[in-house]
C-alpha cells in the first residue's frame, strides 16, 4: 500500500474550538496516523500519514474543521511517509 505524509498548517479561529480533538477523531476514522498541536501564533499544525485518498479526505475536513472553527487558510506540504507514528495523537504544547 502506498503511504504518504502531509504536513498542514491551519489558520483562522482554530484554537479553543475543539479543533485538535476533532481532528484526532477524524484522522482515526480515516485510518491515519500522526499528530496535531496548537502553535504559539494561534494556528494548528497537523502531520498525517496514510493512504493518499484518506489524506485527501482529512485535508478536506481541515478546511472546515469542527462547527465552531473558522478556517481561513490551510498550507500543505507532501512527502513520503516516514512511519514514525503508531496512532494519531493530540500534542498538548507547541
Protein backbone atom coordinates (compact mmCIF):
# COMPACT_ATOMS: atom_id res chain seq x y z
CA UNK A 1 0.00 0.00 0.00
CA UNK A 2 1.28 3.45 -0.90
CA UNK A 3 1.54 5.59 2.23
CA UNK A 4 2.02 9.31 2.03
CA UNK A 5 2.63 12.14 4.51
CA UNK A 6 1.10 15.60 4.63
CA UNK A 7 2.18 18.42 6.93
CA UNK A 8 -0.53 21.04 7.42
CA UNK A 9 -0.69 24.50 8.98
CA UNK A 10 -4.29 25.54 9.64
CA UNK A 11 -5.08 29.20 10.31
CA UNK A 12 -8.16 31.08 11.43
CA UNK A 13 -10.27 30.60 14.53
CA UNK A 14 -8.83 27.15 15.23
CA UNK A 15 -7.77 27.27 18.88
CA UNK A 16 -10.28 26.98 21.71
CA UNK A 17 -12.89 25.41 19.42
CA UNK A 18 -12.14 21.68 19.94
CA UNK A 19 -10.17 21.58 16.66
CA UNK A 20 -7.35 19.27 17.79
CA UNK A 21 -9.59 16.63 19.36
CA UNK A 22 -11.97 16.78 16.40
CA UNK A 23 -9.01 16.35 14.03
CA UNK A 24 -7.86 13.32 16.03
CA UNK A 25 -11.31 11.75 15.79
CA UNK A 26 -11.45 12.37 12.03
CA UNK A 27 -7.91 11.08 11.42
CA UNK A 28 -8.59 7.88 13.37
CA UNK A 29 -11.89 7.40 11.49
CA UNK A 30 -9.93 7.62 8.23
CA UNK A 31 -7.20 5.23 9.42
CA UNK A 32 -4.47 7.87 9.52
CA UNK A 33 -1.57 8.19 11.94
CA UNK A 34 0.18 11.38 13.04
CA UNK A 35 -0.24 14.26 15.44
CA UNK A 36 -1.86 17.65 15.83
CA UNK A 37 -0.84 20.57 18.05
CA UNK A 38 -1.50 24.25 18.71
CA UNK A 39 1.22 26.70 17.74
CA UNK A 40 2.04 29.90 19.60
CA UNK A 41 0.90 32.07 16.66
CA UNK A 42 -2.68 30.82 17.04
CA UNK A 43 -2.55 28.29 14.21
CA UNK A 44 -2.75 24.49 14.37
CA UNK A 45 -0.17 22.12 12.91
CA UNK A 46 -1.09 18.60 11.81
CA UNK A 47 1.13 15.86 10.40
CA UNK A 48 -0.70 12.86 8.95
CA UNK A 49 0.43 9.65 7.31
CA UNK A 50 -1.63 7.08 5.46
CA UNK A 51 -3.33 6.22 2.20
CA UNK A 52 -3.43 9.13 -0.28
CA UNK A 53 -7.24 9.09 -0.51
CA UNK A 54 -7.57 9.19 3.30
CA UNK A 55 -5.16 12.12 3.46
CA UNK A 56 -7.23 13.97 0.83
CA UNK A 57 -10.38 13.40 2.90
CA UNK A 58 -8.60 14.67 6.03
CA UNK A 59 -7.33 17.80 4.24
CA UNK A 60 -10.86 18.50 3.01
CA UNK A 61 -12.09 18.17 6.61
CA UNK A 62 -9.31 20.52 7.82
CA UNK A 63 -10.65 23.27 5.55
CA UNK A 64 -13.89 23.25 7.61
CA UNK A 65 -12.92 21.78 10.98
CA UNK A 66 -15.44 21.42 13.81
CA UNK A 67 -18.60 23.55 13.93
CA UNK A 68 -17.15 26.47 15.95
CA UNK A 69 -13.94 26.77 13.87
CA UNK A 70 -13.50 29.38 11.16
CA UNK A 71 -10.66 28.20 8.92
CA UNK A 72 -9.12 30.89 6.72
CA UNK A 73 -6.12 29.03 5.26
CA UNK A 74 -4.56 25.57 5.07
CA UNK A 75 -0.92 25.29 3.96
CA UNK A 76 0.20 21.85 2.87
CA UNK A 77 3.48 20.07 2.18
CA UNK A 78 3.55 16.46 0.94
CA UNK A 79 6.25 13.81 1.30
CA UNK A 80 6.78 10.05 1.56
CA UNK A 81 5.59 8.55 4.83
CA UNK A 82 8.32 8.06 7.43
CA UNK A 83 6.37 5.54 9.53
CA UNK A 84 7.16 7.33 12.79
CA UNK A 85 3.60 7.27 14.20
CA UNK A 86 1.64 4.29 15.53
CA UNK A 87 -1.62 6.19 16.10
CA UNK A 88 -2.91 9.78 15.91
CA UNK A 89 -2.28 11.95 18.96
CA UNK A 90 -3.06 15.43 20.25
CA UNK A 91 0.08 17.16 21.44
CA UNK A 92 -0.65 19.41 24.41
CA UNK A 93 2.07 22.01 23.86
CA UNK A 94 3.53 23.94 20.95
